[in-house]
C-alpha atoms as a PDB file:
ATOM      1  CA  UNK A   1     -27.711  10.093 -18.084  1.00  0.00           C
ATOM      2  CA  UNK A   2     -24.509   8.277 -18.820  1.00  0.00           C
ATOM      3  CA  UNK A   3     -23.977   4.638 -19.761  1.00  0.00           C
ATOM      4  CA  UNK A   4     -20.733   2.684 -20.051  1.00  0.00           C
ATOM      5  CA  UNK A   5     -19.468   0.700 -23.017  1.00  0.00           C
ATOM      6  CA  UNK A   6     -16.159  -1.141 -22.817  1.00  0.00           C
ATOM      7  CA  UNK A   7     -13.509  -3.214 -24.550  1.00  0.00           C
ATOM      8  CA  UNK A   8     -11.252  -5.559 -22.596  1.00  0.00           C
ATOM      9  CA  UNK A   9      -7.923  -7.127 -23.436  1.00  0.00           C
ATOM     10  CA  UNK A  10      -6.790  -5.287 -26.553  1.00  0.00           C
ATOM     11  CA  UNK A  11      -3.368  -6.872 -27.074  1.00  0.00           C
ATOM     12  CA  UNK A  12      -0.772  -4.734 -28.799  1.00  0.00           C
ATOM     13  CA  UNK A  13       2.853  -5.110 -29.725  1.00  0.00           C
ATOM     14  CA  UNK A  14       4.479  -1.749 -29.137  1.00  0.00           C
ATOM     15  CA  UNK A  15       7.933  -0.227 -29.027  1.00  0.00           C
ATOM     16  CA  UNK A  16       7.290   1.983 -26.009  1.00  0.00           C
ATOM     17  CA  UNK A  17       9.561   2.358 -23.010  1.00  0.00           C
ATOM     18  CA  UNK A  18      12.629   4.101 -21.651  1.00  0.00           C
ATOM     19  CA  UNK A  19      15.256   1.623 -22.788  1.00  0.00           C
ATOM     20  CA  UNK A  20      16.728   1.125 -26.274  1.00  0.00           C
ATOM     21  CA  UNK A  21      15.888  -2.594 -26.099  1.00  0.00           C
ATOM     22  CA  UNK A  22      12.222  -1.748 -25.648  1.00  0.00           C
ATOM     23  CA  UNK A  23      12.331   0.391 -28.778  1.00  0.00           C
ATOM     24  CA  UNK A  24      14.152  -2.182 -30.880  1.00  0.00           C
ATOM     25  CA  UNK A  25      12.455  -5.374 -29.706  1.00  0.00           C
ATOM     26  CA  UNK A  26       9.082  -4.092 -28.635  1.00  0.00           C
ATOM     27  CA  UNK A  27       6.831  -5.811 -26.127  1.00  0.00           C
ATOM     28  CA  UNK A  28       3.270  -6.687 -25.278  1.00  0.00           C
ATOM     29  CA  UNK A  29       0.819  -4.113 -23.960  1.00  0.00           C
ATOM     30  CA  UNK A  30      -2.794  -4.754 -22.996  1.00  0.00           C
ATOM     31  CA  UNK A  31      -5.485  -2.064 -23.029  1.00  0.00           C
ATOM     32  CA  UNK A  32      -8.815  -2.093 -21.235  1.00  0.00           C
ATOM     33  CA  UNK A  33     -10.957   0.871 -22.178  1.00  0.00           C
ATOM     34  CA  UNK A  34     -14.343   2.147 -21.013  1.00  0.00           C
ATOM     35  CA  UNK A  35     -16.318   5.032 -22.443  1.00  0.00           C
ATOM     36  CA  UNK A  36     -19.395   6.749 -21.118  1.00  0.00           C
ATOM     37  CA  UNK A  37     -22.119   8.204 -23.287  1.00  0.00           C
ATOM     38  CA  UNK A  38     -25.892   8.456 -23.346  1.00  0.00           C
ATOM     39  CA  UNK A  39     -26.813   5.111 -24.911  1.00  0.00           C
ATOM     40  CA  UNK A  40     -30.557   5.712 -24.682  1.00  0.00           C
ATOM     41  CA  UNK A  41     -31.013   7.084 -28.249  1.00  0.00           C
ATOM     42  CA  UNK A  42     -29.119   4.124 -29.733  1.00  0.00           C
ATOM     43  CA  UNK A  43     -30.911   1.579 -27.563  1.00  0.00           C
ATOM     44  CA  UNK A  44     -34.382   3.057 -28.067  1.00  0.00           C
ATOM     45  CA  UNK A  45     -33.985   3.106 -31.848  1.00  0.00           C
ATOM     46  CA  UNK A  46     -31.691   0.072 -32.144  1.00  0.00           C
ATOM     47  CA  UNK A  47     -29.465   2.398 -34.185  1.00  0.00           C
ATOM     48  CA  UNK A  48     -25.704   1.859 -34.389  1.00  0.00           C
ATOM     49  CA  UNK A  49     -25.304   5.391 -35.730  1.00  0.00           C
ATOM     50  CA  UNK A  50     -26.364   6.777 -32.348  1.00  0.00           C
ATOM     51  CA  UNK A  51     -23.533   5.173 -30.383  1.00  0.00           C
ATOM     52  CA  UNK A  52     -19.756   4.773 -30.527  1.00  0.00           C
ATOM     53  CA  UNK A  53     -18.896   1.266 -31.663  1.00  0.00           C
ATOM     54  CA  UNK A  54     -16.185  -1.033 -30.387  1.00  0.00           C
ATOM     55  CA  UNK A  55     -14.502  -1.321 -33.780  1.00  0.00           C
ATOM     56  CA  UNK A  56     -14.005   2.435 -34.045  1.00  0.00           C
ATOM     57  CA  UNK A  57     -12.511   2.647 -30.561  1.00  0.00           C
ATOM     58  CA  UNK A  58     -10.316  -0.396 -31.257  1.00  0.00           C
ATOM     59  CA  UNK A  59      -8.991   1.278 -34.409  1.00  0.00           C
ATOM     60  CA  UNK A  60      -8.233   4.469 -32.479  1.00  0.00           C
ATOM     61  CA  UNK A  61      -6.260   2.559 -29.831  1.00  0.00           C
ATOM     62  CA  UNK A  62      -4.242   0.596 -32.392  1.00  0.00           C
ATOM     63  CA  UNK A  63      -3.513   3.750 -34.401  1.00  0.00           C
ATOM     64  CA  UNK A  64      -2.033   5.500 -31.363  1.00  0.00           C
ATOM     65  CA  UNK A  65       0.096   2.409 -30.708  1.00  0.00           C
ATOM     66  CA  UNK A  66       1.529   2.273 -34.223  1.00  0.00           C
ATOM     67  CA  UNK A  67       1.911   5.988 -34.981  1.00  0.00           C
ATOM     68  CA  UNK A  68       3.715   7.089 -31.814  1.00  0.00           C
ATOM     69  CA  UNK A  69       6.469   5.916 -29.491  1.00  0.00           C
ATOM     70  CA  UNK A  70       6.138   6.738 -25.820  1.00  0.00           C
ATOM     71  CA  UNK A  71       8.786   6.591 -23.122  1.00  0.00           C
ATOM     72  CA  UNK A  72       6.289   6.157 -20.270  1.00  0.00           C
ATOM     73  CA  UNK A  73       2.966   4.346 -20.132  1.00  0.00           C
ATOM     74  CA  UNK A  74       1.276   7.385 -18.587  1.00  0.00           C
ATOM     75  CA  UNK A  75       1.867   9.284 -21.837  1.00  0.00           C
ATOM     76  CA  UNK A  76       0.678   6.319 -23.910  1.00  0.00           C
ATOM     77  CA  UNK A  77      -2.569   6.023 -21.912  1.00  0.00           C
ATOM     78  CA  UNK A  78      -3.096   9.789 -22.015  1.00  0.00           C
ATOM     79  CA  UNK A  79      -2.714   9.823 -25.809  1.00  0.00           C
ATOM     80  CA  UNK A  80      -5.317   7.062 -26.147  1.00  0.00           C
ATOM     81  CA  UNK A  81      -7.773   8.867 -23.878  1.00  0.00           C
ATOM     82  CA  UNK A  82      -7.365  12.199 -25.653  1.00  0.00           C
ATOM     83  CA  UNK A  83      -7.653  10.638 -29.121  1.00  0.00           C
ATOM     84  CA  UNK A  84     -10.894   8.885 -28.160  1.00  0.00           C
ATOM     85  CA  UNK A  85     -12.384  12.095 -26.766  1.00  0.00           C
ATOM     86  CA  UNK A  86     -11.266  14.066 -29.832  1.00  0.00           C
ATOM     87  CA  UNK A  87     -12.629  11.559 -32.346  1.00  0.00           C
ATOM     88  CA  UNK A  88     -15.983  10.842 -30.684  1.00  0.00           C
ATOM     89  CA  UNK A  89     -17.956  13.886 -29.494  1.00  0.00           C
ATOM     90  CA  UNK A  90     -20.692  11.633 -28.034  1.00  0.00           C
ATOM     91  CA  UNK A  91     -18.278  10.284 -25.433  1.00  0.00           C
ATOM     92  CA  UNK A  92     -18.477  12.141 -22.123  1.00  0.00           C
ATOM     93  CA  UNK A  93     -15.731  10.308 -20.250  1.00  0.00           C
ATOM     94  CA  UNK A  94     -13.101   7.670 -21.004  1.00  0.00           C
ATOM     95  CA  UNK A  95     -11.078   5.332 -18.793  1.00  0.00           C
ATOM     96  CA  UNK A  96      -7.902   3.754 -20.156  1.00  0.00           C
ATOM     97  CA  UNK A  97      -6.191   0.997 -18.218  1.00  0.00           C
ATOM     98  CA  UNK A  98      -2.869   0.188 -19.806  1.00  0.00           C
ATOM     99  CA  UNK A  99      -0.950  -2.932 -18.752  1.00  0.00           C
ATOM    100  CA  UNK A 100       2.739  -3.572 -19.375  1.00  0.00           C
ATOM    101  CA  UNK A 101       3.074  -7.185 -18.205  1.00  0.00           C
ATOM    102  CA  UNK A 102       6.693  -7.601 -19.322  1.00  0.00           C
ATOM    103  CA  UNK A 103       8.129  -4.385 -17.925  1.00  0.00           C
ATOM    104  CA  UNK A 104      11.901  -4.529 -17.423  1.00  0.00           C
ATOM    105  CA  UNK A 105      11.879  -4.973 -13.650  1.00  0.00           C
ATOM    106  CA  UNK A 106      14.418  -7.143 -11.851  1.00  0.00           C
ATOM    107  CA  UNK A 107      11.944  -9.204  -9.879  1.00  0.00           C
ATOM    108  CA  UNK A 108       8.897 -11.398 -10.040  1.00  0.00           C
ATOM    109  CA  UNK A 109       5.593  -9.640 -10.730  1.00  0.00           C
ATOM    110  CA  UNK A 110       2.439 -10.267 -12.680  1.00  0.00           C
ATOM    111  CA  UNK A 111       1.665  -6.864 -14.148  1.00  0.00           C
ATOM    112  CA  UNK A 112       2.306  -3.149 -14.027  1.00  0.00           C
ATOM    113  CA  UNK A 113       0.034  -0.517 -15.421  1.00  0.00           C
ATOM    114  CA  UNK A 114      -1.683   2.789 -15.227  1.00  0.00           C
ATOM    115  CA  UNK A 115      -5.316   3.894 -15.203  1.00  0.00           C
ATOM    116  CA  UNK A 116      -6.220   7.267 -16.654  1.00  0.00           C
ATOM    117  CA  UNK A 117      -9.718   8.785 -16.570  1.00  0.00           C
ATOM    118  CA  UNK A 118     -10.510  11.848 -18.633  1.00  0.00           C
ATOM    119  CA  UNK A 119     -13.766  13.761 -19.121  1.00  0.00           C
ATOM    120  CA  UNK A 120     -14.957  16.620 -21.263  1.00  0.00           C
END
């Protein structure tokens, strides 16, 4: 059995992107992340130690953002997904939706992003 836990709207300031201006100025990124695990043991025992908490996942996402610079958002999202799977053996699957709302595009748009789903 697999249950889903999620975090929405993690706002980050990152220096990711292809262009030198993106590296020097940085910009806003938004992460939505879901993770699947068997939540029954935690729920049945009301035991935080039997689940993967939001704070721990949040810290993993922010660490990837600050410790690495990515040229493309696909690589950024992939790094988040792989770090979450590596750090938390209870997690069976992870979905990372990474938004880059201020991408350097000559035009009017609301958002660009990528969704990456990885499993064990």
